[in-house]
N, C-alpha and C. Protein backbone atom coordinates (compact mmCIF):
# COMPACT_ATOMS: atom_id res chain seq x y z
N MET A 1 -241.68 81.02 -246.30
CA MET A 1 -241.96 80.77 -247.78
C MET A 1 -242.89 79.53 -247.82
N ASN A 2 -242.16 78.32 -247.59
CA ASN A 2 -242.81 77.11 -247.95
C ASN A 2 -243.43 76.48 -246.62
N HIS A 3 -244.50 75.82 -246.92
CA HIS A 3 -245.15 75.18 -245.72
C HIS A 3 -244.99 73.65 -245.94
N PHE A 4 -244.62 72.98 -244.72
CA PHE A 4 -244.32 71.48 -244.94
C PHE A 4 -245.36 70.84 -244.06
N ASP A 5 -245.98 69.75 -244.66
CA ASP A 5 -246.79 68.84 -243.90
C ASP A 5 -246.39 67.40 -244.27
N ALA A 6 -247.07 66.45 -243.45
CA ALA A 6 -246.66 65.02 -243.71
C ALA A 6 -247.81 64.19 -243.40
N LEU A 7 -247.95 63.18 -244.19
CA LEU A 7 -248.98 62.14 -243.93
C LEU A 7 -248.74 61.34 -242.61
N ALA A 8 -249.85 60.82 -242.12
CA ALA A 8 -249.57 60.07 -240.73
C ALA A 8 -248.65 58.91 -241.09
N GLU A 9 -248.67 58.18 -242.36
CA GLU A 9 -247.85 57.12 -242.65
C GLU A 9 -246.43 57.65 -242.68
N PHE A 10 -246.14 58.83 -243.21
CA PHE A 10 -244.63 59.32 -243.22
C PHE A 10 -244.29 59.56 -241.86
N GLU A 11 -245.12 60.18 -240.94
CA GLU A 11 -244.66 60.38 -239.64
C GLU A 11 -244.18 59.14 -238.89
N LYS A 12 -245.07 58.08 -239.15
CA LYS A 12 -244.85 56.76 -238.41
C LYS A 12 -243.39 56.06 -238.93
N GLU A 13 -243.28 56.27 -240.31
CA GLU A 13 -241.96 55.77 -240.98
C GLU A 13 -240.88 56.62 -240.39
N PHE A 14 -241.00 57.79 -240.41
CA PHE A 14 -240.02 58.84 -239.85
C PHE A 14 -239.59 58.48 -238.44
N LYS A 15 -240.54 58.34 -237.51
CA LYS A 15 -240.28 57.96 -236.23
C LYS A 15 -239.56 56.69 -236.05
N ARG A 16 -239.93 55.66 -236.73
CA ARG A 16 -239.35 54.35 -236.69
C ARG A 16 -237.80 54.47 -237.17
N LEU A 17 -237.69 55.14 -238.38
CA LEU A 17 -236.27 55.36 -238.95
C LEU A 17 -235.44 56.17 -238.01
N SER A 18 -235.94 57.11 -237.44
CA SER A 18 -235.14 58.00 -236.54
C SER A 18 -234.56 57.33 -235.33
N LYS A 19 -235.24 56.24 -234.93
CA LYS A 19 -234.68 55.45 -233.81
C LYS A 19 -233.37 54.68 -234.35
N LYS A 20 -233.49 54.27 -235.58
CA LYS A 20 -232.35 53.63 -236.21
C LYS A 20 -231.24 54.56 -236.63
N TYR A 21 -231.74 55.69 -237.31
CA TYR A 21 -230.68 56.70 -237.75
C TYR A 21 -230.75 57.91 -236.97
N ARG A 22 -229.82 58.14 -235.93
CA ARG A 22 -230.02 59.26 -234.99
C ARG A 22 -229.86 60.60 -235.60
N THR A 23 -229.35 60.76 -236.88
CA THR A 23 -229.17 62.07 -237.32
C THR A 23 -230.35 62.48 -238.28
N LEU A 24 -231.32 61.69 -238.28
CA LEU A 24 -232.49 61.84 -239.22
C LEU A 24 -233.21 63.26 -239.02
N ASP A 25 -233.40 63.60 -237.74
CA ASP A 25 -234.09 65.00 -237.68
C ASP A 25 -233.27 66.06 -238.17
N ASP A 26 -231.93 66.12 -238.00
CA ASP A 26 -231.17 67.11 -238.66
C ASP A 26 -230.97 66.90 -240.23
N ASP A 27 -230.96 65.79 -240.53
CA ASP A 27 -231.00 65.53 -242.09
C ASP A 27 -232.27 65.98 -242.81
N LEU A 28 -233.35 65.84 -242.11
CA LEU A 28 -234.69 66.26 -242.75
C LEU A 28 -234.72 67.83 -242.74
N GLU A 29 -234.17 68.47 -241.68
CA GLU A 29 -234.22 69.95 -241.63
C GLU A 29 -233.33 70.50 -242.78
N LYS A 30 -232.16 69.92 -243.04
CA LYS A 30 -231.18 70.27 -244.14
C LYS A 30 -231.79 70.07 -245.46
N PHE A 31 -232.73 68.86 -245.61
CA PHE A 31 -233.35 68.68 -246.72
C PHE A 31 -234.50 69.70 -247.05
N LYS A 32 -235.09 70.09 -246.03
CA LYS A 32 -236.24 71.11 -246.20
C LYS A 32 -235.63 72.46 -246.62
N LYS A 33 -234.34 72.82 -246.27
CA LYS A 33 -233.74 74.06 -246.64
C LYS A 33 -233.46 73.96 -248.16
N ILE A 34 -233.11 72.84 -248.67
CA ILE A 34 -232.93 72.67 -250.16
C ILE A 34 -234.24 72.76 -250.79
N LEU A 35 -235.33 72.21 -250.21
CA LEU A 35 -236.58 72.26 -250.93
C LEU A 35 -237.15 73.76 -250.96
N ILE A 36 -236.78 74.58 -249.96
CA ILE A 36 -237.26 75.92 -249.84
C ILE A 36 -236.73 76.70 -251.11
N THR A 37 -235.47 76.45 -251.51
CA THR A 37 -234.85 77.07 -252.62
C THR A 37 -235.16 76.42 -253.87
N THR A 38 -235.18 75.08 -253.96
CA THR A 38 -235.52 74.39 -255.26
C THR A 38 -236.42 73.27 -254.95
N PRO A 39 -237.77 73.57 -254.87
CA PRO A 39 -238.85 72.62 -254.43
C PRO A 39 -238.88 71.35 -255.17
N THR A 40 -238.54 71.43 -256.60
CA THR A 40 -238.64 69.93 -257.32
C THR A 40 -237.08 69.45 -257.46
N GLY A 41 -236.20 70.32 -256.77
CA GLY A 41 -234.85 69.71 -256.75
C GLY A 41 -234.05 69.92 -257.98
N ILE A 42 -232.83 69.53 -257.92
CA ILE A 42 -231.86 69.66 -259.04
C ILE A 42 -231.04 68.44 -259.13
N GLY A 43 -230.57 68.09 -260.30
CA GLY A 43 -229.74 67.02 -260.38
C GLY A 43 -230.44 65.62 -260.48
N LYS A 44 -229.54 64.51 -260.33
CA LYS A 44 -230.22 63.25 -260.49
C LYS A 44 -230.63 62.74 -259.34
N ASN A 45 -230.60 63.41 -258.13
CA ASN A 45 -231.12 62.88 -256.89
C ASN A 45 -232.65 63.23 -256.77
N PHE A 46 -233.19 63.95 -257.72
CA PHE A 46 -234.69 64.32 -257.67
C PHE A 46 -235.24 63.89 -259.03
N VAL A 47 -236.31 63.20 -258.92
CA VAL A 47 -237.13 62.70 -260.08
C VAL A 47 -238.49 63.00 -259.93
N ILE A 48 -239.11 63.73 -260.89
CA ILE A 48 -240.62 63.95 -260.76
C ILE A 48 -241.29 62.76 -261.35
N ILE A 49 -242.08 62.02 -260.38
CA ILE A 49 -242.69 60.85 -260.88
C ILE A 49 -244.13 61.05 -261.30
N HIS A 50 -244.65 62.24 -260.90
CA HIS A 50 -246.09 62.54 -261.34
C HIS A 50 -246.22 64.10 -261.55
N SER A 51 -246.82 64.54 -262.48
CA SER A 51 -246.94 65.98 -262.67
C SER A 51 -248.16 66.40 -263.29
N THR A 52 -248.88 67.47 -262.62
CA THR A 52 -250.04 68.13 -263.29
C THR A 52 -249.78 69.58 -263.13
N GLU A 53 -250.87 70.36 -263.53
CA GLU A 53 -250.77 71.84 -263.48
C GLU A 53 -250.63 72.30 -262.09
N THR A 54 -251.16 71.56 -261.10
CA THR A 54 -251.22 71.99 -259.68
C THR A 54 -250.31 71.36 -258.76
N ILE A 55 -249.86 70.09 -258.98
CA ILE A 55 -249.10 69.23 -258.06
C ILE A 55 -248.05 68.54 -258.87
N LYS A 56 -246.79 68.38 -258.26
CA LYS A 56 -245.94 67.60 -258.82
C LYS A 56 -245.44 66.63 -257.57
N VAL A 57 -245.33 65.34 -257.92
CA VAL A 57 -244.92 64.30 -256.94
C VAL A 57 -243.46 63.97 -257.29
N VAL A 58 -242.56 64.20 -256.30
CA VAL A 58 -241.15 63.97 -256.52
C VAL A 58 -240.59 62.88 -255.60
N LYS A 59 -239.65 62.09 -256.18
CA LYS A 59 -239.00 61.01 -255.59
C LYS A 59 -237.59 61.66 -255.44
N ALA A 60 -237.07 61.68 -254.16
CA ALA A 60 -235.60 62.29 -253.94
C ALA A 60 -234.86 61.38 -253.04
N ARG A 61 -233.64 61.55 -253.12
CA ARG A 61 -232.59 60.99 -252.25
C ARG A 61 -232.37 62.02 -251.25
N MET A 62 -232.42 61.59 -250.05
CA MET A 62 -232.13 62.62 -248.96
C MET A 62 -230.91 62.01 -248.16
N ALA A 63 -229.74 62.71 -248.12
CA ALA A 63 -228.56 62.26 -247.51
C ALA A 63 -228.84 62.01 -246.03
N CYS A 64 -228.17 61.05 -245.50
CA CYS A 64 -228.37 60.69 -244.06
C CYS A 64 -226.98 60.45 -243.41
N ARG A 65 -226.62 61.26 -242.59
CA ARG A 65 -225.33 61.18 -242.08
C ARG A 65 -225.10 59.91 -241.34
N ALA A 66 -226.05 59.40 -240.62
CA ALA A 66 -225.92 58.16 -239.89
C ALA A 66 -225.63 57.01 -240.89
N LEU A 67 -226.03 57.12 -242.17
CA LEU A 67 -225.68 56.20 -243.08
C LEU A 67 -224.38 56.43 -243.82
N ARG A 68 -223.59 57.32 -243.24
CA ARG A 68 -222.39 57.75 -243.89
C ARG A 68 -222.69 58.44 -245.17
N ASP A 69 -223.63 59.28 -245.12
CA ASP A 69 -224.03 60.21 -246.28
C ASP A 69 -224.64 59.29 -247.45
N ARG A 70 -224.96 58.02 -247.22
CA ARG A 70 -225.75 57.32 -248.23
C ARG A 70 -227.22 57.98 -248.02
N SER A 71 -228.04 57.59 -248.86
CA SER A 71 -229.41 58.24 -248.73
C SER A 71 -230.60 57.44 -248.57
N LEU A 72 -231.58 58.11 -247.94
CA LEU A 72 -232.93 57.54 -247.86
C LEU A 72 -233.80 58.03 -248.89
N ARG A 73 -234.80 57.37 -249.20
CA ARG A 73 -235.71 57.87 -250.35
C ARG A 73 -236.92 58.63 -249.67
N VAL A 74 -237.21 59.78 -250.24
CA VAL A 74 -238.27 60.70 -249.81
C VAL A 74 -239.19 60.96 -250.90
N ILE A 75 -240.45 60.56 -250.79
CA ILE A 75 -241.57 60.94 -251.75
C ILE A 75 -242.35 62.09 -251.23
N TYR A 76 -242.53 63.25 -251.98
CA TYR A 76 -243.24 64.35 -251.51
C TYR A 76 -244.01 64.89 -252.58
N ALA A 77 -245.02 65.61 -252.34
CA ALA A 77 -245.86 66.43 -253.37
C ALA A 77 -245.65 67.90 -253.11
N TYR A 78 -245.43 68.51 -254.24
CA TYR A 78 -245.13 70.00 -254.27
C TYR A 78 -246.31 70.65 -254.96
N PHE A 79 -247.02 71.69 -254.18
CA PHE A 79 -247.94 72.52 -254.76
C PHE A 79 -247.45 73.92 -255.02
N GLU A 80 -247.12 74.17 -256.39
CA GLU A 80 -246.53 75.49 -256.73
C GLU A 80 -247.31 76.60 -256.35
N GLN A 81 -248.62 76.63 -256.49
CA GLN A 81 -249.49 77.77 -256.28
C GLN A 81 -249.46 78.27 -254.91
N ASN A 82 -249.48 77.35 -253.99
CA ASN A 82 -249.41 77.86 -252.44
C ASN A 82 -248.06 77.48 -251.80
N GLN A 83 -247.08 77.09 -252.60
CA GLN A 83 -245.78 76.82 -252.05
C GLN A 83 -245.75 75.94 -250.94
N LYS A 84 -246.51 74.82 -251.14
CA LYS A 84 -246.73 73.76 -250.00
C LYS A 84 -246.02 72.44 -250.42
N ILE A 85 -245.51 71.72 -249.43
CA ILE A 85 -244.96 70.42 -249.62
C ILE A 85 -245.56 69.54 -248.61
N ASP A 86 -246.04 68.48 -249.17
CA ASP A 86 -246.48 67.19 -248.31
C ASP A 86 -245.58 66.07 -248.36
N PHE A 87 -244.99 65.74 -247.22
CA PHE A 87 -244.17 64.49 -247.29
C PHE A 87 -245.17 63.27 -247.25
N ILE A 88 -244.91 62.32 -248.25
CA ILE A 88 -245.86 61.09 -248.46
C ILE A 88 -245.20 59.95 -247.86
N GLU A 89 -243.86 59.76 -248.12
CA GLU A 89 -243.20 58.41 -247.74
C GLU A 89 -241.76 58.69 -247.51
N ILE A 90 -241.15 57.95 -246.66
CA ILE A 90 -239.76 57.91 -246.51
C ILE A 90 -239.20 56.49 -246.14
N TYR A 91 -238.23 55.98 -246.88
CA TYR A 91 -237.78 54.47 -246.64
C TYR A 91 -236.27 54.44 -247.00
N SER A 92 -235.83 53.36 -246.59
CA SER A 92 -234.48 53.07 -246.93
C SER A 92 -234.38 52.05 -248.09
N LYS A 93 -233.53 52.35 -249.06
CA LYS A 93 -233.51 51.32 -250.30
C LYS A 93 -233.17 49.95 -249.79
N GLY A 94 -232.50 49.79 -248.69
CA GLY A 94 -232.06 48.41 -248.10
C GLY A 94 -233.31 47.78 -247.61
N GLU A 95 -234.40 48.50 -247.20
CA GLU A 95 -235.61 47.82 -246.66
C GLU A 95 -236.62 47.47 -247.61
N LYS A 96 -236.79 48.44 -248.70
CA LYS A 96 -237.66 48.10 -249.72
C LYS A 96 -237.25 48.77 -251.05
N GLU A 97 -237.51 48.12 -252.09
CA GLU A 97 -237.00 48.52 -253.42
C GLU A 97 -237.64 49.77 -253.99
N ASN A 98 -238.98 49.89 -253.90
CA ASN A 98 -239.61 51.08 -254.47
C ASN A 98 -240.68 51.71 -253.57
N GLU A 99 -241.14 52.89 -253.95
CA GLU A 99 -242.21 53.59 -253.26
C GLU A 99 -243.46 52.77 -253.46
N GLU A 100 -244.46 53.15 -252.40
CA GLU A 100 -245.73 52.53 -252.52
C GLU A 100 -246.62 53.36 -253.52
N ARG A 101 -246.73 52.85 -254.68
CA ARG A 101 -247.50 53.51 -255.64
C ARG A 101 -249.08 53.67 -255.16
N GLU A 102 -249.63 52.70 -254.53
CA GLU A 102 -250.98 52.78 -254.03
C GLU A 102 -251.06 53.96 -253.09
N ARG A 103 -250.14 54.21 -252.22
CA ARG A 103 -250.29 55.30 -251.27
C ARG A 103 -250.26 56.63 -252.08
N ILE A 104 -249.39 56.65 -253.07
CA ILE A 104 -249.37 57.93 -253.84
C ILE A 104 -250.67 58.12 -254.68
N LYS A 105 -251.20 57.04 -255.17
CA LYS A 105 -252.40 57.17 -256.00
C LYS A 105 -253.66 57.68 -254.95
N GLY A 106 -253.66 56.94 -253.78
CA GLY A 106 -254.68 57.41 -252.81
C GLY A 106 -254.45 58.75 -252.23
N TYR A 107 -253.30 59.22 -252.15
CA TYR A 107 -252.97 60.71 -251.82
C TYR A 107 -253.45 61.60 -252.88
N LEU A 108 -253.19 61.29 -254.14
CA LEU A 108 -253.53 62.19 -255.38
C LEU A 108 -255.12 62.17 -255.47
N LYS A 109 -255.66 61.07 -255.25
CA LYS A 109 -257.16 61.04 -255.24
C LYS A 109 -257.81 61.86 -254.28
N ASN A 110 -257.26 61.90 -253.08
CA ASN A 110 -257.75 62.74 -251.98
C ASN A 110 -257.61 64.32 -252.27
N GLN A 111 -256.50 64.61 -253.09
CA GLN A 111 -256.28 65.96 -253.48
C GLN A 111 -257.30 66.52 -254.44
N ASN A 112 -257.72 65.68 -255.38
CA ASN A 112 -258.70 65.98 -256.37
C ASN A 112 -259.43 64.80 -256.89
N PRO A 113 -260.65 64.63 -256.29
CA PRO A 113 -261.31 63.43 -256.54
C PRO A 113 -261.65 63.20 -257.99
N ALA A 114 -261.81 64.16 -258.83
CA ALA A 114 -262.12 64.01 -260.33
C ALA A 114 -260.82 63.49 -261.05
N HIS A 115 -259.59 63.69 -260.43
CA HIS A 115 -258.42 63.36 -261.04
C HIS A 115 -258.02 61.86 -261.02
N HIS A 116 -257.59 61.30 -262.17
CA HIS A 116 -257.26 59.94 -262.22
C HIS A 116 -255.76 59.92 -262.10
N PRO A 117 -255.22 59.34 -260.92
CA PRO A 117 -253.90 59.40 -260.66
C PRO A 117 -253.04 58.33 -261.44
N ILE A 118 -251.79 58.69 -261.57
CA ILE A 118 -250.76 57.95 -262.21
C ILE A 118 -251.23 56.88 -263.20
């Protein structure tokens, strides 16, 4: 049903974090299963930080067993029309306070050059 993809920056961050948190591969697979059924999430662990007719950018908390079920932050874009999710960023709240707004703006600009992001 859903197609998952990731930016190169996400892949790099994920690789670095997976060395630190050994359960991260499994944690991401469980997170993907949640996204397949509820792409924009449910509850307070999911916040839509940007929304247009075609794309929603969501900031979510992803449980990480290596962190004793505390969470990592995942930023992703959801395209409702073609049921596609692009992972944009993953980070630990302990390492940095907020998402990289410039990366999200750049990502959105690449999706629709005429669009003025955030």
